[in-house]
Amino acid sequence: MTFCVGIKVNEGIVALADTRIVRGSEHTNKRKLAEFQHKGQSLFTMTSGLRSVRDKTLTYVDEVLRSEDTVRDRLYHFVNLFGDQLRRVKLEDGPSLAMSNLAFNLHAIIGGKLPADESPQLFYVYPEGNWVETNVDSPYFLLGRTYYGKPILDRLLTSQTSLKSAIALAVLAFDATRTSVTDVDYPIDVAVFSNNVRAPSFQRYTEADLAETIGHWTASLRQSLESLPMNWASPFTSTM
């Protein structure tokens, strides 16, 4: 399975993806957060679903960009092209995938900034090729295993959250997911694109790299549990 999260706050955008690939009883690690160059700018894509569909779609996107004279200076122009090529792949491969009982289920998060964009942008693309953009009321997107990391984001993340805290929340949402399932795991890839830089920064982290942060978070949760105001529960605890 997959865990990918994209967050947009006022200071910029954050992306995080795990790398675990599970096939039956075997597992490997492959990059799911991919960098893409266009017009001298660095973008990123994250996907869940069939990797063959992702690879073919990105190949077609690259082919079109190399052969056309169209100026695509806004990120949504690139996202439109991605959606067009995704529909093209669905027409070509959808019937044969269906015959093999494989769903055409590619979902994508695309982020970055092209020359005419005022700030880094973040989009979610559906298997049908249509898309939505983050806004003030919904500042994040999740792919794959979405249930376990969603509560912490819904509780603590807003568009006013600092970029540093948004990075922390992306990591904690991943940790909540990894704690509950076996098909999401380290290493993780992280991209951060602040408003005051020209390109995102990409880093890979192992479990050892983040052990201090996760250990501190776990200890803080235990301390908070012990200090919760529980007077309302006195009928249950007075005899303990």
Protein backbone atom coordinates (compact mmCIF):
# COMPACT_ATOMS: atom_id res chain seq x y z
CA MET A 1 0.00 0.00 0.00
CA THR A 2 1.04 3.66 0.16
CA PHE A 3 1.12 6.67 2.41
CA CYS A 4 1.53 10.09 0.81
CA VAL A 5 0.61 13.47 2.25
CA GLY A 6 0.75 16.91 0.65
CA ILE A 7 0.24 20.01 2.79
CA LYS A 8 -0.09 23.66 1.81
CA VAL A 9 0.21 26.39 4.43
CA ASN A 10 0.74 30.13 4.05
CA GLU A 11 4.54 29.72 4.15
CA GLY A 12 4.77 26.99 1.48
CA ILE A 13 4.11 23.33 0.79
CA VAL A 14 5.28 20.01 2.25
CA ALA A 15 5.16 16.54 0.69
CA LEU A 16 5.97 13.20 2.32
CA ALA A 17 5.79 9.68 0.91
CA ASP A 18 6.76 6.28 2.24
CA THR A 19 8.69 3.87 0.03
CA ARG A 20 7.38 0.40 0.91
CA ILE A 21 6.06 -1.81 -1.91
CA VAL A 22 4.32 -5.05 -0.87
CA ARG A 23 3.78 -8.01 -3.22
CA GLY A 24 2.22 -10.93 -1.36
CA SER A 25 4.67 -11.90 1.37
CA GLU A 26 7.52 -9.89 -0.15
CA HIS A 27 8.31 -6.21 0.25
CA THR A 28 10.72 -3.81 -1.44
CA ASN A 29 11.35 -0.08 -1.35
CA LYS A 30 10.76 2.27 -4.27
CA ARG A 31 10.56 6.02 -4.52
CA LYS A 32 6.98 7.34 -4.71
CA LEU A 33 7.85 11.05 -4.46
CA ALA A 34 9.29 11.88 -7.88
CA GLU A 35 10.92 15.11 -9.03
CA PHE A 36 9.94 16.44 -12.47
CA GLN A 37 11.68 19.26 -14.37
CA HIS A 38 9.71 21.72 -16.53
CA LYS A 39 10.70 25.16 -17.83
CA GLY A 40 13.74 25.10 -15.60
CA GLN A 41 11.51 24.58 -12.57
CA SER A 42 11.38 21.59 -10.24
CA LEU A 43 7.97 20.01 -9.58
CA PHE A 44 7.04 16.83 -7.74
CA THR A 45 4.47 14.09 -8.15
CA MET A 46 3.25 11.46 -5.67
CA THR A 47 0.94 8.64 -6.70
CA SER A 48 -0.99 5.67 -5.38
CA GLY A 49 -2.24 2.87 -7.58
CA LEU A 50 -0.63 0.89 -10.39
CA ARG A 51 2.96 1.95 -10.90
CA SER A 52 2.80 0.99 -14.59
CA VAL A 53 0.01 3.56 -15.09
CA ARG A 54 2.04 6.23 -13.27
CA ASP A 55 5.18 5.53 -15.31
CA LYS A 56 3.36 5.52 -18.65
CA THR A 57 1.47 8.72 -17.82
CA LEU A 58 4.67 10.57 -16.86
CA THR A 59 6.41 9.29 -19.99
CA TYR A 60 3.58 10.66 -22.13
CA VAL A 61 3.65 13.97 -20.24
CA ASP A 62 7.38 14.30 -20.86
CA GLU A 63 6.91 13.40 -24.54
CA VAL A 64 4.29 16.11 -25.05
CA LEU A 65 6.33 18.75 -23.24
CA ARG A 66 9.36 18.01 -25.43
CA SER A 67 7.42 18.18 -28.69
CA GLU A 68 5.12 21.19 -28.20
CA ASP A 69 5.62 24.96 -28.31
CA THR A 70 2.82 25.70 -25.83
CA VAL A 71 3.86 27.83 -22.87
CA ARG A 72 2.78 26.17 -19.62
CA ASP A 73 3.76 28.77 -17.02
CA ARG A 74 1.17 27.91 -14.37
CA LEU A 75 1.20 24.67 -12.44
CA TYR A 76 -2.45 23.99 -13.25
CA HIS A 77 -1.47 23.92 -16.93
CA PHE A 78 0.91 21.06 -16.13
CA VAL A 79 -1.80 19.35 -14.05
CA ASN A 80 -4.24 19.63 -16.99
CA LEU A 81 -1.64 17.95 -19.21
CA PHE A 82 -1.13 15.19 -16.62
CA GLY A 83 -4.90 14.61 -16.51
CA ASP A 84 -5.11 14.48 -20.33
CA GLN A 85 -2.34 11.87 -20.52
CA LEU A 86 -3.86 9.87 -17.67
CA ARG A 87 -7.11 9.63 -19.65
CA ARG A 88 -5.07 8.60 -22.70
CA VAL A 89 -3.48 5.76 -20.72
CA LYS A 90 -6.90 4.72 -19.44
CA LEU A 91 -8.20 4.42 -23.00
CA GLU A 92 -5.17 2.36 -24.01
CA ASP A 93 -4.71 0.13 -20.97
CA GLY A 94 -8.02 0.27 -19.09
CA PRO A 95 -9.74 -2.60 -20.96
CA SER A 96 -6.79 -4.99 -20.65
CA LEU A 97 -6.36 -4.13 -16.95
CA ALA A 98 -10.06 -4.79 -16.38
CA MET A 99 -9.73 -8.19 -18.08
CA SER A 100 -7.06 -9.02 -15.51
CA ASN A 101 -9.30 -7.75 -12.67
CA LEU A 102 -6.98 -4.78 -12.07
CA ALA A 103 -8.58 -1.44 -11.26
CA PHE A 104 -7.47 1.72 -13.05
CA ASN A 105 -7.00 3.53 -9.76
CA LEU A 106 -4.18 6.03 -10.10
CA HIS A 107 -4.45 9.02 -7.77
CA ALA A 108 -1.81 11.75 -7.81
CA ILE A 109 -0.66 14.75 -5.79
CA ILE A 110 1.27 17.32 -7.83
CA GLY A 111 3.08 20.27 -6.29
CA GLY A 112 5.44 23.01 -7.34
CA LYS A 113 5.68 26.50 -8.76
CA LEU A 114 5.95 27.63 -12.39
CA PRO A 115 7.01 31.14 -13.44
CA ALA A 116 3.53 32.73 -13.44
CA ASP A 117 2.47 31.19 -10.09
CA GLU A 118 2.59 33.61 -7.16
CA SER A 119 3.44 30.85 -4.68
CA PRO A 120 3.91 27.05 -4.60
CA GLN A 121 0.70 25.22 -5.55
CA LEU A 122 -0.71 21.79 -4.64
CA PHE A 123 -3.23 19.70 -6.63
CA TYR A 124 -4.95 16.32 -6.31
CA VAL A 125 -5.65 14.42 -9.53
CA TYR A 126 -8.32 11.69 -9.68
CA PRO A 127 -8.17 8.55 -11.90
CA GLU A 128 -10.61 10.24 -14.30
CA GLY A 129 -8.08 13.05 -14.89
CA ASN A 130 -10.02 15.81 -13.13
CA TRP A 131 -8.44 17.69 -10.23
CA VAL A 132 -8.96 19.85 -7.16
CA GLU A 133 -6.65 22.37 -5.48
CA THR A 134 -5.96 22.93 -1.80
CA ASN A 135 -7.66 25.90 -0.17
CA VAL A 136 -7.87 27.60 3.22
CA ASP A 137 -10.51 25.16 4.49
CA SER A 138 -8.78 22.00 3.19
CA PRO A 139 -5.00 22.51 3.29
CA TYR A 140 -3.89 18.91 2.74
CA PHE A 141 -4.29 15.80 0.58
CA LEU A 142 -3.70 12.15 1.50
CA LEU A 143 -3.12 9.12 -0.72
CA GLY A 144 -3.20 5.43 0.09
CA ARG A 145 -3.64 4.60 3.77
CA THR A 146 -5.57 7.75 4.66
CA TYR A 147 -7.48 6.83 7.82
CA TYR A 148 -4.77 6.70 10.47
CA GLY A 149 -2.97 9.99 9.81
CA LYS A 150 -6.09 12.04 9.08
CA PRO A 151 -7.17 12.74 12.70
CA ILE A 152 -3.97 14.52 13.70
CA LEU A 153 -4.09 16.67 10.57
CA ASP A 154 -7.75 17.55 11.06
CA ARG A 155 -7.13 18.45 14.70
CA LEU A 156 -3.94 20.51 14.42
CA LEU A 157 -3.35 21.65 10.83
CA THR A 158 -4.62 24.96 9.42
CA SER A 159 -3.42 27.16 6.61
CA GLN A 160 -1.84 29.40 9.27
CA THR A 161 0.31 26.57 10.65
CA SER A 162 4.03 27.32 10.32
CA LEU A 163 5.99 25.45 7.66
CA LYS A 164 8.14 23.84 10.37
CA SER A 165 5.05 22.55 12.18
CA ALA A 166 3.55 21.35 8.89
CA ILE A 167 6.68 19.24 8.34
CA ALA A 168 6.28 17.81 11.85
CA LEU A 169 2.59 17.03 11.27
CA ALA A 170 3.39 15.23 8.01
CA VAL A 171 5.89 13.05 9.89
CA LEU A 172 3.46 12.38 12.75
CA ALA A 173 0.66 11.47 10.32
CA PHE A 174 3.05 8.99 8.70
CA ASP A 175 4.06 7.61 12.11
CA ALA A 176 0.41 7.10 13.11
CA THR A 177 -0.15 5.16 9.89
CA ARG A 178 3.03 3.10 10.17
CA THR A 179 2.15 2.19 13.78
CA SER A 180 -1.16 0.67 12.69
CA VAL A 181 -0.32 -1.10 9.41
CA THR A 182 2.46 -3.27 8.02
CA ASP A 183 2.50 -2.07 4.41
CA VAL A 184 3.67 1.51 5.12
CA ASP A 185 7.23 2.03 6.33
CA TYR A 186 10.56 3.81 6.20
CA PRO A 187 12.53 5.21 4.54
CA ILE A 188 10.43 8.26 3.74
CA ASP A 189 11.00 10.97 1.14
CA VAL A 190 10.20 14.58 2.03
CA ALA A 191 9.98 17.67 -0.18
CA VAL A 192 9.61 21.20 1.20
CA PHE A 193 8.96 24.25 -0.98
CA SER A 194 8.85 27.52 0.93
CA ASN A 195 7.57 30.71 -0.64
CA ASN A 196 10.97 32.41 -0.56
CA VAL A 197 12.96 29.84 -2.59
CA ARG A 198 12.95 28.97 -6.29
CA ALA A 199 12.86 25.17 -6.00
CA PRO A 200 11.81 22.51 -3.48
CA SER A 201 14.34 20.69 -1.30
CA PHE A 202 14.25 16.88 -1.26
CA GLN A 203 15.50 14.65 1.57
CA ARG A 204 15.25 10.95 2.47
CA TYR A 205 14.98 9.86 6.12
CA THR A 206 15.38 6.48 7.80
CA GLU A 207 13.78 5.31 11.03
CA ALA A 208 17.02 6.06 12.87
CA ASP A 209 17.03 9.65 11.56
CA LEU A 210 13.65 10.37 13.16
CA ALA A 211 13.94 8.17 16.27
CA GLU A 212 14.48 11.12 18.64
CA THR A 213 11.48 13.02 17.27
CA ILE A 214 9.13 10.02 17.40
CA GLY A 215 10.40 9.02 20.85
CA HIS A 216 9.75 12.53 22.14
CA TRP A 217 6.25 12.51 20.65
CA THR A 218 5.41 9.15 22.23
CA ALA A 219 6.71 10.25 25.65
CA SER A 220 4.72 13.49 25.40
CA LEU A 221 1.53 11.55 24.65
CA ARG A 222 2.09 9.33 27.69
CA GLN A 223 2.64 12.37 29.92
CA SER A 224 -0.48 14.05 28.55
CA LEU A 225 -2.51 10.89 29.20
CA GLU A 226 -1.40 10.81 32.84
CA SER A 227 -2.22 14.50 33.38
CA LEU A 228 -5.67 14.54 31.75
CA PRO A 229 -8.40 16.09 33.93
CA MET A 230 -10.50 13.03 34.80
CA ASN A 231 -12.80 14.19 37.63
CA TRP A 232 -15.79 13.12 35.55
CA ALA A 233 -14.54 9.52 35.78
CA SER A 234 -14.39 9.44 39.59
CA PRO A 235 -17.31 6.94 39.86
CA PHE A 236 -15.10 4.45 38.03
CA THR A 237 -11.76 5.29 39.61
CA SER A 238 -12.59 6.01 43.27
CA THR A 239 -12.05 2.34 44.21
CA MET A 240 -8.88 1.88 42.16
